[in-house]
N, C-alpha and C. Protein backbone atom coordinates (compact mmCIF):
# COMPACT_ATOMS: atom_id res chain seq x y z
N MET A 1 111.25 97.43 115.32
CA MET A 1 110.50 98.58 115.36
C MET A 1 110.19 99.25 116.35
N THR A 2 110.30 100.78 116.90
CA THR A 2 110.43 101.49 117.73
C THR A 2 108.69 102.06 117.57
N ILE A 3 108.30 102.06 118.95
CA ILE A 3 106.80 102.95 118.60
C ILE A 3 106.39 103.86 118.43
N ALA A 4 107.83 104.77 117.89
CA ALA A 4 107.71 105.97 117.15
C ALA A 4 107.91 105.58 115.63
N SER A 5 107.87 104.53 115.43
CA SER A 5 107.90 104.07 113.66
C SER A 5 106.81 103.46 113.53
N HIS A 6 106.13 102.95 114.57
CA HIS A 6 104.97 102.27 114.39
C HIS A 6 103.89 102.99 114.05
N LEU A 7 103.86 103.92 115.16
CA LEU A 7 102.90 104.87 114.92
C LEU A 7 102.79 105.60 113.60
N VAL A 8 104.31 106.28 112.91
CA VAL A 8 104.09 106.23 111.47
C VAL A 8 103.40 105.61 110.90
N GLU A 9 104.03 104.34 110.99
CA GLU A 9 103.25 103.85 109.88
C GLU A 9 101.60 103.44 109.82
N LEU A 10 101.48 103.38 111.06
CA LEU A 10 99.51 103.19 111.63
C LEU A 10 98.89 104.64 111.34
N ARG A 11 99.72 106.15 110.96
CA ARG A 11 99.33 107.24 110.66
C ARG A 11 99.18 107.20 108.70
N ARG A 12 100.04 106.24 108.31
CA ARG A 12 100.27 106.16 106.76
C ARG A 12 99.56 105.28 106.72
N LYS A 13 98.84 104.65 107.42
CA LYS A 13 97.46 102.98 106.56
C LYS A 13 96.58 103.70 106.70
N HIS A 14 96.20 105.11 107.95
CA HIS A 14 94.91 106.33 108.57
C HIS A 14 94.73 106.89 107.27
N ASP A 15 96.23 107.21 106.76
CA ASP A 15 95.50 108.43 105.46
C ASP A 15 95.41 107.64 104.33
N ASN A 16 95.82 106.24 104.24
CA ASN A 16 95.37 106.02 103.48
C ASN A 16 93.59 104.88 103.00
N LEU A 17 93.45 105.07 103.98
CA LEU A 17 91.48 104.35 104.33
C LEU A 17 91.38 105.27 103.92
N SER A 18 91.44 106.81 104.90
CA SER A 18 90.65 107.92 104.29
C SER A 18 90.52 108.71 103.00
N GLU A 19 91.72 107.99 102.59
CA GLU A 19 91.48 107.53 100.62
C GLU A 19 90.54 107.56 100.38
N MET A 20 90.36 105.97 100.68
CA MET A 20 89.55 105.20 100.02
C MET A 20 88.48 105.60 100.40
N VAL A 21 88.24 105.72 101.50
CA VAL A 21 86.86 106.30 102.21
C VAL A 21 86.52 107.06 101.31
N GLU A 22 87.24 108.11 100.68
CA GLU A 22 86.55 109.29 100.30
C GLU A 22 86.46 109.02 98.92
N GLN A 23 87.07 107.84 98.40
CA GLN A 23 86.98 107.33 97.12
C GLN A 23 86.08 107.20 96.86
N ALA A 24 84.82 106.11 98.01
CA ALA A 24 84.17 104.71 97.78
C ALA A 24 83.21 106.19 98.03
N GLN A 25 82.84 106.98 98.48
CA GLN A 25 81.25 107.75 98.77
C GLN A 25 81.51 108.36 97.78
N ARG A 26 82.17 109.18 96.99
CA ARG A 26 82.06 109.82 95.08
C ARG A 26 81.97 108.65 94.55
N ASN A 27 81.31 107.48 94.70
CA ASN A 27 81.63 106.76 93.85
C ASN A 27 80.14 105.75 94.09
N PRO A 28 78.71 106.16 93.95
CA PRO A 28 77.75 105.77 93.86
C PRO A 28 77.43 104.12 93.87
N SER A 29 78.31 103.41 92.83
CA SER A 29 77.79 102.07 92.99
C SER A 29 78.72 101.60 94.20
N THR A 30 79.65 102.36 95.00
CA THR A 30 80.18 101.18 96.13
C THR A 30 78.98 100.66 97.33
N ASP A 31 79.29 99.73 98.07
CA ASP A 31 78.09 98.98 98.56
C ASP A 31 78.33 99.56 99.57
N ALA A 32 77.47 100.09 100.62
CA ALA A 32 77.68 101.10 101.16
C ALA A 32 78.18 99.82 102.61
N LEU A 33 78.48 98.56 102.69
CA LEU A 33 79.04 98.03 103.40
C LEU A 33 80.88 98.06 103.82
N LYS A 34 80.96 97.71 102.26
CA LYS A 34 82.48 98.50 101.96
C LYS A 34 82.63 99.26 102.61
N ILE A 35 81.87 100.60 102.14
CA ILE A 35 82.04 101.79 103.00
C ILE A 35 82.48 101.48 104.71
N ALA A 36 80.98 101.17 104.91
CA ALA A 36 81.36 100.82 106.74
C ALA A 36 82.56 99.77 107.41
N GLU A 37 83.06 99.14 106.50
CA GLU A 37 84.61 98.37 106.87
C GLU A 37 85.29 99.20 106.89
N LEU A 38 85.62 99.75 105.98
CA LEU A 38 86.91 100.71 105.64
C LEU A 38 86.55 101.55 106.97
N LYS A 39 85.80 102.25 107.08
CA LYS A 39 85.48 103.52 108.71
C LYS A 39 85.81 102.34 109.81
N LYS A 40 85.48 101.26 109.36
CA LYS A 40 86.25 100.51 110.46
C LYS A 40 87.28 100.33 111.42
N GLN A 41 87.63 99.98 110.45
CA GLN A 41 89.26 100.01 109.64
C GLN A 41 89.98 100.88 110.41
N LYS A 42 89.40 102.40 109.46
CA LYS A 42 89.95 103.62 109.80
C LYS A 42 90.13 103.82 111.70
N LEU A 43 88.64 103.59 112.11
CA LEU A 43 88.45 103.95 113.18
C LEU A 43 89.07 102.91 114.58
N ARG A 44 89.73 101.46 114.25
CA ARG A 44 90.54 100.37 114.88
C ARG A 44 92.05 101.34 114.90
N LEU A 45 92.46 101.94 113.59
CA LEU A 45 93.90 102.02 113.86
C LEU A 45 94.02 103.58 114.62
N LYS A 46 92.69 104.50 114.34
CA LYS A 46 93.36 105.60 115.01
C LYS A 46 92.75 105.38 116.78
N GLU A 47 92.15 104.05 117.00
CA GLU A 47 92.23 103.59 118.85
C GLU A 47 93.51 103.32 118.97
N GLU A 48 94.76 102.51 117.43
CA GLU A 48 95.54 102.41 118.17
C GLU A 48 96.25 103.45 118.47
N ILE A 49 96.70 104.30 117.46
CA ILE A 49 97.42 104.82 117.37
C ILE A 49 97.47 105.64 119.12
N THR A 50 95.84 106.32 119.53
CA THR A 50 95.73 107.22 120.91
C THR A 50 96.40 106.26 121.84
N ARG A 51 96.56 105.04 121.54
CA ARG A 51 96.60 104.12 123.04
C ARG A 51 98.25 104.02 123.19
N LEU A 52 98.72 104.37 121.80
CA LEU A 52 100.56 104.42 121.53
C LEU A 52 100.65 105.69 122.13
N SER A 53 100.04 106.41 121.60
CA SER A 53 100.38 107.81 121.40
C SER A 53 101.00 108.03 123.32
N HIS A 54 100.03 107.37 124.17
CA HIS A 54 99.89 108.20 125.65
C HIS A 54 100.75 107.55 126.45
């Protein structure tokens, strides 16, 4: 897998997590810990994308 294709995959996963966070935040029954974990995963992906982009 090339770096470019890996970056594309990471961005796709980041976008999916963004959507999951938005949906979870709209649902009042969603556990705050679950939202926090999704946000942490999203941040880790963003950091990896940034690291690989440089």
